[in-house]
C-alpha atoms as a PDB file:
ATOM      1  CA  TRP A   1     -19.668  -5.566 -23.115  1.00  0.00           C
ATOM      2  CA  LEU A   2     -18.785  -2.901 -25.679  1.00  0.00           C
ATOM      3  CA  VAL A   3     -19.592   0.283 -23.747  1.00  0.00           C
ATOM      4  CA  PRO A   4     -17.932   0.320 -20.320  1.00  0.00           C
ATOM      5  CA  HIS A   5     -18.443   2.525 -17.343  1.00  0.00           C
ATOM      6  CA  PHE A   6     -15.245   4.468 -17.982  1.00  0.00           C
ATOM      7  CA  GLU A   7     -14.324   4.729 -14.302  1.00  0.00           C
ATOM      8  CA  LYS A   8     -11.308   2.584 -13.468  1.00  0.00           C
ATOM      9  CA  MET A   9     -10.953   0.987 -10.032  1.00  0.00           C
ATOM     10  CA  LEU A  10      -7.718  -0.433  -8.649  1.00  0.00           C
ATOM     11  CA  TYR A  11      -9.340  -3.511  -7.154  1.00  0.00           C
ATOM     12  CA  ASP A  12     -10.978  -4.522 -10.461  1.00  0.00           C
ATOM     13  CA  ASN A  13      -7.679  -4.326 -12.298  1.00  0.00           C
ATOM     14  CA  ALA A  14      -5.841  -6.130  -9.510  1.00  0.00           C
ATOM     15  CA  LEU A  15      -8.251  -9.052  -9.410  1.00  0.00           C
ATOM     16  CA  LEU A  16      -8.497  -9.340 -13.197  1.00  0.00           C
ATOM     17  CA  SER A  17      -4.706  -9.198 -13.569  1.00  0.00           C
ATOM     18  CA  ARG A  18      -4.183 -12.037 -11.121  1.00  0.00           C
ATOM     19  CA  LEU A  19      -6.893 -14.027 -12.876  1.00  0.00           C
ATOM     20  CA  GLY A  20      -5.082 -13.342 -16.152  1.00  0.00           C
ATOM     21  CA  VAL A  21      -1.836 -14.771 -14.785  1.00  0.00           C
ATOM     22  CA  HIS A  22      -3.644 -17.956 -13.732  1.00  0.00           C
ATOM     23  CA  LEU A  23      -5.485 -18.202 -17.057  1.00  0.00           C
ATOM     24  CA  TRP A  24      -2.205 -17.894 -18.957  1.00  0.00           C
ATOM     25  CA  GLN A  25      -0.629 -20.582 -16.758  1.00  0.00           C
ATOM     26  CA  ALA A  26      -3.511 -22.891 -17.678  1.00  0.00           C
ATOM     27  CA  THR A  27      -3.677 -22.071 -21.411  1.00  0.00           C
ATOM     28  CA  ARG A  28      -0.416 -20.386 -22.462  1.00  0.00           C
ATOM     29  CA  ASP A  29      -2.607 -18.111 -24.621  1.00  0.00           C
ATOM     30  CA  PRO A  30      -0.379 -15.211 -25.811  1.00  0.00           C
ATOM     31  CA  GLU A  31      -3.341 -12.808 -26.001  1.00  0.00           C
ATOM     32  CA  VAL A  32      -4.146 -13.468 -22.330  1.00  0.00           C
ATOM     33  CA  ARG A  33      -0.544 -12.759 -21.433  1.00  0.00           C
ATOM     34  CA  ARG A  34      -0.476  -9.533 -23.453  1.00  0.00           C
ATOM     35  CA  VAL A  35      -3.632  -8.167 -21.836  1.00  0.00           C
ATOM     36  CA  THR A  36      -2.481  -9.146 -18.353  1.00  0.00           C
ATOM     37  CA  GLU A  37       0.950  -7.564 -18.687  1.00  0.00           C
ATOM     38  CA  GLU A  38      -0.498  -4.415 -20.262  1.00  0.00           C
ATOM     39  CA  THR A  39      -3.002  -4.059 -17.413  1.00  0.00           C
ATOM     40  CA  ILE A  40      -0.244  -4.177 -14.805  1.00  0.00           C
ATOM     41  CA  ASP A  41       1.874  -1.795 -16.868  1.00  0.00           C
ATOM     42  CA  TRP A  42      -1.126   0.555 -17.063  1.00  0.00           C
ATOM     43  CA  ALA A  43      -1.489   0.508 -13.275  1.00  0.00           C
ATOM     44  CA  ALA A  44       2.198   1.308 -12.855  1.00  0.00           C
ATOM     45  CA  ARG A  45       1.937   4.177 -15.335  1.00  0.00           C
ATOM     46  CA  GLU A  46      -1.414   5.714 -14.401  1.00  0.00           C
ATOM     47  CA  MET A  47      -2.114   4.750 -10.783  1.00  0.00           C
ATOM     48  CA  MET A  48       1.179   4.664  -8.895  1.00  0.00           C
ATOM     49  CA  ALA A  49       1.925   7.305  -6.289  1.00  0.00           C
ATOM     50  CA  PRO A  50       5.427   8.854  -6.355  1.00  0.00           C
ATOM     51  CA  GLN A  51       6.261   7.524  -2.884  1.00  0.00           C
ATOM     52  CA  GLY A  52       4.935   4.048  -3.727  1.00  0.00           C
ATOM     53  CA  GLY A  53       1.528   2.463  -3.453  1.00  0.00           C
ATOM     54  CA  PHE A  54      -1.349   2.665  -5.905  1.00  0.00           C
ATOM     55  CA  TYR A  55      -4.130   5.238  -6.042  1.00  0.00           C
ATOM     56  CA  SER A  56      -7.738   4.085  -5.820  1.00  0.00           C
ATOM     57  CA  SER A  57      -9.510   5.105  -9.030  1.00  0.00           C
ATOM     58  CA  LEU A  58      -9.808   7.257 -12.138  1.00  0.00           C
ATOM     59  CA  ASP A  59     -13.051   9.124 -12.821  1.00  0.00           C
ATOM     60  CA  ALA A  60     -15.225   8.318 -15.817  1.00  0.00           C
ATOM     61  CA  ASP A  61     -15.596  11.989 -16.806  1.00  0.00           C
ATOM     62  CA  SER A  62     -13.286  14.644 -18.172  1.00  0.00           C
ATOM     63  CA  GLU A  63     -14.152  17.967 -19.778  1.00  0.00           C
ATOM     64  CA  GLY A  64     -17.634  17.466 -18.348  1.00  0.00           C
ATOM     65  CA  TYR A  65     -18.506  14.303 -20.291  1.00  0.00           C
ATOM     66  CA  GLU A  66     -18.236  10.592 -19.675  1.00  0.00           C
ATOM     67  CA  GLY A  67     -15.521   8.800 -21.617  1.00  0.00           C
ATOM     68  CA  THR A  68     -14.104  11.887 -23.348  1.00  0.00           C
ATOM     69  CA  PHE A  69     -10.530  10.912 -22.491  1.00  0.00           C
ATOM     70  CA  TYR A  70     -10.891   7.496 -24.127  1.00  0.00           C
ATOM     71  CA  VAL A  71     -13.026   7.858 -27.284  1.00  0.00           C
ATOM     72  CA  TRP A  72     -12.008   8.944 -30.798  1.00  0.00           C
ATOM     73  CA  THR A  73     -13.302  10.205 -34.095  1.00  0.00           C
ATOM     74  CA  ARG A  74     -12.109   8.477 -37.239  1.00  0.00           C
ATOM     75  CA  GLU A  75     -10.546  11.733 -38.409  1.00  0.00           C
ATOM     76  CA  GLU A  76      -8.481  12.009 -35.201  1.00  0.00           C
ATOM     77  CA  VAL A  77      -7.207   8.475 -35.668  1.00  0.00           C
ATOM     78  CA  GLU A  78      -6.323   9.010 -39.320  1.00  0.00           C
ATOM     79  CA  ARG A  79      -4.378  12.193 -38.519  1.00  0.00           C
ATOM     80  CA  ALA A  80      -2.517  10.530 -35.660  1.00  0.00           C
ATOM     81  CA  LEU A  81      -1.596   7.289 -37.445  1.00  0.00           C
ATOM     82  CA  GLY A  82      -0.625   8.164 -40.974  1.00  0.00           C
ATOM     83  CA  SER A  83       0.126   5.062 -43.054  1.00  0.00           C
ATOM     84  CA  ASP A  84      -0.622   2.722 -40.124  1.00  0.00           C
ATOM     85  CA  ALA A  85      -4.276   3.838 -40.192  1.00  0.00           C
ATOM     86  CA  ALA A  86      -5.130   1.567 -43.139  1.00  0.00           C
ATOM     87  CA  LEU A  87      -4.675  -1.540 -40.983  1.00  0.00           C
ATOM     88  CA  ALA A  88      -5.470  -0.124 -37.555  1.00  0.00           C
ATOM     89  CA  ILE A  89      -8.870   1.240 -38.590  1.00  0.00           C
ATOM     90  CA  PRO A  90     -10.432  -2.138 -39.509  1.00  0.00           C
ATOM     91  CA  TYR A  91      -8.666  -3.812 -36.581  1.00  0.00           C
ATOM     92  CA  TRP A  92     -10.287  -1.420 -34.068  1.00  0.00           C
ATOM     93  CA  GLY A  93     -13.705  -1.316 -35.684  1.00  0.00           C
ATOM     94  CA  LEU A  94     -13.541   2.202 -37.120  1.00  0.00           C
ATOM     95  CA  SER A  95     -14.730   0.982 -40.510  1.00  0.00           C
ATOM     96  CA  GLN A  96     -18.230   0.695 -39.045  1.00  0.00           C
ATOM     97  CA  GLU A  97     -20.599   3.357 -37.742  1.00  0.00           C
ATOM     98  CA  PRO A  98     -19.602   5.248 -34.542  1.00  0.00           C
ATOM     99  CA  ASN A  99     -20.540   3.219 -31.471  1.00  0.00           C
ATOM    100  CA  PHE A 100     -20.634   5.844 -28.685  1.00  0.00           C
ATOM    101  CA  GLU A 101     -22.350   9.216 -29.017  1.00  0.00           C
ATOM    102  CA  GLY A 102     -20.975   9.906 -32.499  1.00  0.00           C
ATOM    103  CA  LYS A 103     -17.463   8.732 -31.616  1.00  0.00           C
ATOM    104  CA  TYR A 104     -15.655   5.427 -31.340  1.00  0.00           C
ATOM    105  CA  ILE A 105     -14.731   3.204 -28.471  1.00  0.00           C
ATOM    106  CA  LEU A 106     -11.837   1.241 -29.924  1.00  0.00           C
ATOM    107  CA  TYR A 107     -12.441  -2.503 -29.742  1.00  0.00           C
ATOM    108  CA  VAL A 108     -11.347  -5.567 -31.681  1.00  0.00           C
ATOM    109  CA  PRO A 109     -14.124  -6.996 -33.893  1.00  0.00           C
ATOM    110  CA  ASN A 110     -11.722  -9.059 -36.040  1.00  0.00           C
ATOM    111  CA  GLU A 111      -8.638 -11.156 -35.416  1.00  0.00           C
ATOM    112  CA  MET A 112      -5.411  -9.848 -36.932  1.00  0.00           C
ATOM    113  CA  SER A 113      -5.423 -12.749 -39.385  1.00  0.00           C
ATOM    114  CA  VAL A 114      -8.822 -11.653 -40.725  1.00  0.00           C
ATOM    115  CA  VAL A 115      -7.682  -8.041 -41.131  1.00  0.00           C
ATOM    116  CA  ALA A 116      -4.506  -9.250 -42.831  1.00  0.00           C
ATOM    117  CA  ALA A 117      -6.387 -11.516 -45.259  1.00  0.00           C
ATOM    118  CA  ARG A 118      -8.782  -8.742 -46.264  1.00  0.00           C
ATOM    119  CA  ALA A 119      -5.903  -6.304 -46.804  1.00  0.00           C
ATOM    120  CA  GLY A 120      -3.730  -8.835 -48.610  1.00  0.00           C
ATOM    121  CA  VAL A 121      -0.842  -8.522 -46.149  1.00  0.00           C
ATOM    122  CA  ALA A 122       0.849 -10.760 -43.587  1.00  0.00           C
ATOM    123  CA  PRO A 123      -0.512 -10.913 -40.009  1.00  0.00           C
ATOM    124  CA  ASP A 124       2.853  -9.604 -38.790  1.00  0.00           C
ATOM    125  CA  ASP A 125       2.264  -6.448 -40.828  1.00  0.00           C
ATOM    126  CA  VAL A 126      -1.013  -5.881 -38.993  1.00  0.00           C
ATOM    127  CA  SER A 127       0.645  -6.578 -35.648  1.00  0.00           C
ATOM    128  CA  GLU A 128       3.379  -4.042 -36.373  1.00  0.00           C
ATOM    129  CA  ALA A 129       0.899  -1.404 -37.548  1.00  0.00           C
ATOM    130  CA  VAL A 130      -1.303  -1.868 -34.479  1.00  0.00           C
ATOM    131  CA  ALA A 131       1.675  -1.638 -32.126  1.00  0.00           C
ATOM    132  CA  ASN A 132       2.780   1.593 -33.799  1.00  0.00           C
ATOM    133  CA  ALA A 133      -0.783   2.896 -33.744  1.00  0.00           C
ATOM    134  CA  ARG A 134      -1.267   2.105 -30.073  1.00  0.00           C
ATOM    135  CA  ALA A 135       1.863   4.069 -29.161  1.00  0.00           C
ATOM    136  CA  ALA A 136       0.826   7.007 -31.374  1.00  0.00           C
ATOM    137  CA  LEU A 137      -2.681   7.185 -29.914  1.00  0.00           C
ATOM    138  CA  LEU A 138      -1.367   6.933 -26.367  1.00  0.00           C
ATOM    139  CA  ALA A 139       0.947   9.879 -27.037  1.00  0.00           C
ATOM    140  CA  ARG A 140      -1.897  11.872 -28.613  1.00  0.00           C
ATOM    141  CA  ARG A 141      -4.282  11.044 -25.750  1.00  0.00           C
ATOM    142  CA  ALA A 142      -1.715  12.197 -23.176  1.00  0.00           C
ATOM    143  CA  ARG A 143      -2.315  15.768 -24.382  1.00  0.00           C
ATOM    144  CA  ARG A 144      -6.004  15.625 -23.439  1.00  0.00           C
ATOM    145  CA  GLU A 145      -7.469  16.816 -20.151  1.00  0.00           C
ATOM    146  CA  ARG A 146      -7.110  13.869 -17.815  1.00  0.00           C
ATOM    147  CA  PRO A 147      -9.918  12.383 -15.693  1.00  0.00           C
ATOM    148  CA  GLY A 148      -9.852  13.108 -11.974  1.00  0.00           C
ATOM    149  CA  ARG A 149      -7.999  10.642  -9.796  1.00  0.00           C
ATOM    150  CA  ASP A 150      -8.864   9.478  -6.284  1.00  0.00           C
ATOM    151  CA  GLU A 151      -5.450   9.591  -4.654  1.00  0.00           C
ATOM    152  CA  LYS A 152      -6.251   7.615  -1.526  1.00  0.00           C
ATOM    153  CA  VAL A 153      -3.909   4.658  -1.191  1.00  0.00           C
ATOM    154  CA  LEU A 154      -5.997   1.898   0.412  1.00  0.00           C
ATOM    155  CA  ALA A 155      -4.213  -1.012   2.067  1.00  0.00           C
ATOM    156  CA  SER A 156      -6.664  -3.716   1.019  1.00  0.00           C
ATOM    157  CA  TRP A 157      -6.705  -2.780  -2.672  1.00  0.00           C
ATOM    158  CA  ASN A 158      -2.918  -2.425  -2.693  1.00  0.00           C
ATOM    159  CA  GLY A 159      -2.610  -5.877  -1.180  1.00  0.00           C
ATOM    160  CA  LEU A 160      -4.683  -7.244  -4.063  1.00  0.00           C
ATOM    161  CA  MET A 161      -2.506  -5.427  -6.582  1.00  0.00           C
ATOM    162  CA  LEU A 162       0.670  -6.660  -4.908  1.00  0.00           C
ATOM    163  CA  ARG A 163      -0.490 -10.263  -5.339  1.00  0.00           C
ATOM    164  CA  ALA A 164      -1.140  -9.733  -9.050  1.00  0.00           C
ATOM    165  CA  ILE A 165       2.214  -8.080  -9.677  1.00  0.00           C
ATOM    166  CA  ALA A 166       4.190 -10.673  -7.715  1.00  0.00           C
ATOM    167  CA  GLU A 167       2.519 -13.538  -9.553  1.00  0.00           C
ATOM    168  CA  SER A 168       3.028 -11.801 -12.901  1.00  0.00           C
ATOM    169  CA  ALA A 169       6.707 -11.307 -12.131  1.00  0.00           C
ATOM    170  CA  ARG A 170       7.110 -14.991 -11.349  1.00  0.00           C
ATOM    171  CA  ALA A 171       4.995 -16.419 -14.184  1.00  0.00           C
ATOM    172  CA  PHE A 172       6.218 -14.093 -16.938  1.00  0.00           C
ATOM    173  CA  ALA A 173       9.811 -13.675 -15.677  1.00  0.00           C
ATOM    174  CA  ARG A 174       9.365  -9.895 -15.721  1.00  0.00           C
ATOM    175  CA  ASP A 175      12.214  -8.254 -13.791  1.00  0.00           C
ATOM    176  CA  ASP A 176      10.430  -4.886 -13.896  1.00  0.00           C
ATOM    177  CA  HIS A 177       7.330  -6.438 -12.307  1.00  0.00           C
ATOM    178  CA  ARG A 178       9.550  -8.037  -9.683  1.00  0.00           C
ATOM    179  CA  ALA A 179      11.005  -4.619  -8.828  1.00  0.00           C
ATOM    180  CA  LEU A 180       7.510  -3.115  -8.798  1.00  0.00           C
ATOM    181  CA  ALA A 181       6.244  -5.827  -6.444  1.00  0.00           C
ATOM    182  CA  ILE A 182       9.135  -5.264  -4.043  1.00  0.00           C
ATOM    183  CA  ARG A 183       8.609  -1.506  -4.141  1.00  0.00           C
ATOM    184  CA  THR A 184       4.902  -1.938  -3.395  1.00  0.00           C
ATOM    185  CA  GLY A 185       5.599  -4.341  -0.550  1.00  0.00           C
ATOM    186  CA  GLU A 186       8.174  -2.020   0.953  1.00  0.00           C
ATOM    187  CA  PHE A 187       5.708   0.870   0.813  1.00  0.00           C
ATOM    188  CA  LEU A 188       3.019  -1.151   2.558  1.00  0.00           C
ATOM    189  CA  LEU A 189       5.399  -2.406   5.221  1.00  0.00           C
ATOM    190  CA  ARG A 190       6.873   1.057   5.803  1.00  0.00           C
ATOM    191  CA  GLU A 191       3.740   3.215   5.647  1.00  0.00           C
ATOM    192  CA  MET A 192       0.754   0.995   6.333  1.00  0.00           C
ATOM    193  CA  VAL A 193       1.858  -1.483   9.018  1.00  0.00           C
ATOM    194  CA  ARG A 194       2.098  -0.358  12.648  1.00  0.00           C
ATOM    195  CA  ASP A 195       3.187  -2.893  15.304  1.00  0.00           C
ATOM    196  CA  GLY A 196       1.997  -5.779  13.186  1.00  0.00           C
ATOM    197  CA  ARG A 197      -1.369  -4.164  12.447  1.00  0.00           C
ATOM    198  CA  VAL A 198      -2.420  -2.727   9.102  1.00  0.00           C
ATOM    199  CA  MET A 199      -3.748   0.797   8.700  1.00  0.00           C
ATOM    200  CA  ARG A 200      -6.510   1.621   6.228  1.00  0.00           C
ATOM    201  CA  SER A 201      -5.565   4.678   4.168  1.00  0.00           C
ATOM    202  CA  HIS A 202      -2.577   6.789   3.144  1.00  0.00           C
ATOM    203  CA  THR A 203      -3.066  10.187   1.514  1.00  0.00           C
ATOM    204  CA  GLY A 204      -0.652  13.069   1.073  1.00  0.00           C
ATOM    205  CA  GLY A 205       2.013  11.433   3.214  1.00  0.00           C
ATOM    206  CA  ILE A 206      -0.360  10.777   6.128  1.00  0.00           C
ATOM    207  CA  THR A 207      -1.455   7.287   7.193  1.00  0.00           C
ATOM    208  CA  ARG A 208      -4.730   7.119   9.070  1.00  0.00           C
ATOM    209  CA  ILE A 209      -7.655   4.950  10.203  1.00  0.00           C
ATOM    210  CA  ALA A 210      -7.188   1.548  11.793  1.00  0.00           C
ATOM    211  CA  GLY A 211      -7.424  -1.192   9.208  1.00  0.00           C
ATOM    212  CA  TYR A 212     -10.386  -3.507   8.761  1.00  0.00           C
ATOM    213  CA  LEU A 213     -10.221  -7.265   8.412  1.00  0.00           C
ATOM    214  CA  GLU A 214      -9.917  -6.973   4.611  1.00  0.00           C
ATOM    215  CA  ASP A 215      -6.907  -4.634   4.943  1.00  0.00           C
ATOM    216  CA  HIS A 216      -5.059  -7.090   7.154  1.00  0.00           C
ATOM    217  CA  THR A 217      -5.826 -10.164   5.082  1.00  0.00           C
ATOM    218  CA  ALA A 218      -5.151  -8.590   1.674  1.00  0.00           C
ATOM    219  CA  VAL A 219      -1.798  -7.167   2.768  1.00  0.00           C
ATOM    220  CA  ALA A 220      -0.773 -10.416   4.478  1.00  0.00           C
ATOM    221  CA  LEU A 221      -1.626 -12.406   1.347  1.00  0.00           C
ATOM    222  CA  GLY A 222       0.326  -9.891  -0.726  1.00  0.00           C
ATOM    223  CA  PHE A 223       3.345 -10.386   1.511  1.00  0.00           C
ATOM    224  CA  LEU A 224       3.014 -14.171   1.144  1.00  0.00           C
ATOM    225  CA  ASP A 225       3.088 -13.867  -2.653  1.00  0.00           C
ATOM    226  CA  LEU A 226       6.069 -11.544  -2.374  1.00  0.00           C
ATOM    227  CA  TYR A 227       7.805 -14.191  -0.289  1.00  0.00           C
ATOM    228  CA  GLY A 228       6.940 -16.747  -2.975  1.00  0.00           C
ATOM    229  CA  LEU A 229       8.604 -14.473  -5.522  1.00  0.00           C
ATOM    230  CA  THR A 230      11.735 -13.511  -3.585  1.00  0.00           C
ATOM    231  CA  PHE A 231      12.140 -16.084  -0.767  1.00  0.00           C
ATOM    232  CA  ASP A 232      13.047 -13.118   1.434  1.00  0.00           C
ATOM    233  CA  HIS A 233      11.974 -14.181   4.933  1.00  0.00           C
ATOM    234  CA  ARG A 234      11.047 -10.670   6.026  1.00  0.00           C
ATOM    235  CA  TRP A 235       7.876 -10.936   3.929  1.00  0.00           C
ATOM    236  CA  LEU A 236       6.952 -14.257   5.491  1.00  0.00           C
ATOM    237  CA  GLU A 237       7.542 -12.872   8.966  1.00  0.00           C
ATOM    238  CA  ALA A 238       5.489  -9.755   8.184  1.00  0.00           C
ATOM    239  CA  ALA A 239       2.598 -11.940   6.995  1.00  0.00           C
ATOM    240  CA  ARG A 240       2.805 -14.064  10.130  1.00  0.00           C
ATOM    241  CA  SER A 241       2.797 -10.976  12.331  1.00  0.00           C
ATOM    242  CA  ILE A 242      -0.329  -9.647  10.608  1.00  0.00           C
ATOM    243  CA  GLY A 243      -1.965 -13.073  10.923  1.00  0.00           C
ATOM    244  CA  ASP A 244      -1.314 -13.015  14.673  1.00  0.00           C
ATOM    245  CA  ALA A 245      -2.874  -9.548  14.840  1.00  0.00           C
ATOM    246  CA  VAL A 246      -5.959 -10.783  12.988  1.00  0.00           C
ATOM    247  CA  ASP A 247      -6.436 -13.573  15.518  1.00  0.00           C
ATOM    248  CA  ARG A 248      -5.908 -11.232  18.443  1.00  0.00           C
ATOM    249  CA  TRP A 249      -8.050  -8.282  17.367  1.00  0.00           C
ATOM    250  CA  PHE A 250     -10.734  -9.701  15.028  1.00  0.00           C
ATOM    251  CA  TRP A 251     -11.479 -13.271  16.144  1.00  0.00           C
ATOM    252  CA  ASP A 252     -14.690 -14.037  18.031  1.00  0.00           C
ATOM    253  CA  GLU A 253     -14.313 -17.301  19.902  1.00  0.00           C
ATOM    254  CA  PRO A 254     -18.002 -17.827  20.850  1.00  0.00           C
ATOM    255  CA  THR A 255     -19.131 -17.817  17.218  1.00  0.00           C
ATOM    256  CA  GLY A 256     -15.930 -19.105  15.627  1.00  0.00           C
ATOM    257  CA  ALA A 257     -15.727 -16.264  13.078  1.00  0.00           C
ATOM    258  CA  TYR A 258     -13.932 -12.983  12.448  1.00  0.00           C
ATOM    259  CA  PHE A 259     -15.413  -9.504  12.827  1.00  0.00           C
ATOM    260  CA  ASP A 260     -14.797  -6.885  10.115  1.00  0.00           C
ATOM    261  CA  THR A 261     -13.510  -4.401  12.717  1.00  0.00           C
ATOM    262  CA  ALA A 262     -10.980  -4.846  15.502  1.00  0.00           C
ATOM    263  CA  SER A 263     -12.040  -5.217  19.127  1.00  0.00           C
ATOM    264  CA  ASP A 264     -10.572  -1.792  19.958  1.00  0.00           C
ATOM    265  CA  HIS A 265     -12.239  -0.093  16.972  1.00  0.00           C
ATOM    266  CA  GLU A 266     -14.623   2.813  17.449  1.00  0.00           C
ATOM    267  CA  ALA A 267     -17.811   1.487  19.057  1.00  0.00           C
ATOM    268  CA  LEU A 268     -20.661   1.164  16.546  1.00  0.00           C
ATOM    269  CA  LEU A 269     -24.373   0.345  16.909  1.00  0.00           C
ATOM    270  CA  THR A 270     -23.445  -3.112  15.676  1.00  0.00           C
ATOM    271  CA  ARG A 271     -20.077  -4.693  15.022  1.00  0.00           C
ATOM    272  CA  PRO A 272     -20.230  -5.920  11.416  1.00  0.00           C
ATOM    273  CA  ARG A 273     -19.291  -9.421  10.372  1.00  0.00           C
ATOM    274  CA  ASP A 274     -20.011 -10.118   6.711  1.00  0.00           C
ATOM    275  CA  VAL A 275     -19.885 -13.720   5.555  1.00  0.00           C
ATOM    276  CA  THR A 276     -20.380 -12.922   1.856  1.00  0.00           C
ATOM    277  CA  ASP A 277     -18.150 -11.041  -0.575  1.00  0.00           C
ATOM    278  CA  ASN A 278     -18.796  -7.379  -1.335  1.00  0.00           C
ATOM    279  CA  ALA A 279     -18.642  -5.625  -4.698  1.00  0.00           C
END
């Protein structure tokens, strides 16, 4: 669990964020809340298209190597952090040997209370130093060559992200997440829904490809969560309209199940109908 595949996918972050909201509701664990909110804030900062909607992924590589954008040397960290380095370095595991090809993936081997006890300071001092350090490293990292970004906006993955943001806005009382959820919903309704049916992909201002079953259901569920956040009936009506389209274009009465593609989709050798989840 230490060394990730550095590629970042929208659907992973969407599903984990929504899980984080539910986990916080069950436990009220402040660390769960912090990670969940920061993940959504990351998506808004790194993955959002100017016109609305979220891009699909960030590559693992930059400058020809995997993880280059994300890893550090101890010397880089010390130069960037100044006096905060004394507490941030043990907190992020830089007191040990490098853990990735001679550099460091920052991780958290010790609780703040442990770092504080060893340094003879209060836990709040560690918390303040780490917050300052995180901001300083983010600013320093922004000057690096960025990984490539897949700038397709996919309806299904955006529907998943919309659910996470709407539930975060409601659970955490985050007005900025509420505004982000509404903006995402408005983009999907404006650009990705045609006559009650959901399109698949939006790139460079162009919406194309008829949506699959997952596009329709993910967007409809996103609209339902947006209705639960705002009680604006247009989101409920949009979800109902998409649900009607699903029944009309995807349902197979003889077998009592839904196809993955619509009945007017391009004819294939076989019309797929998966009954298990994909990756």
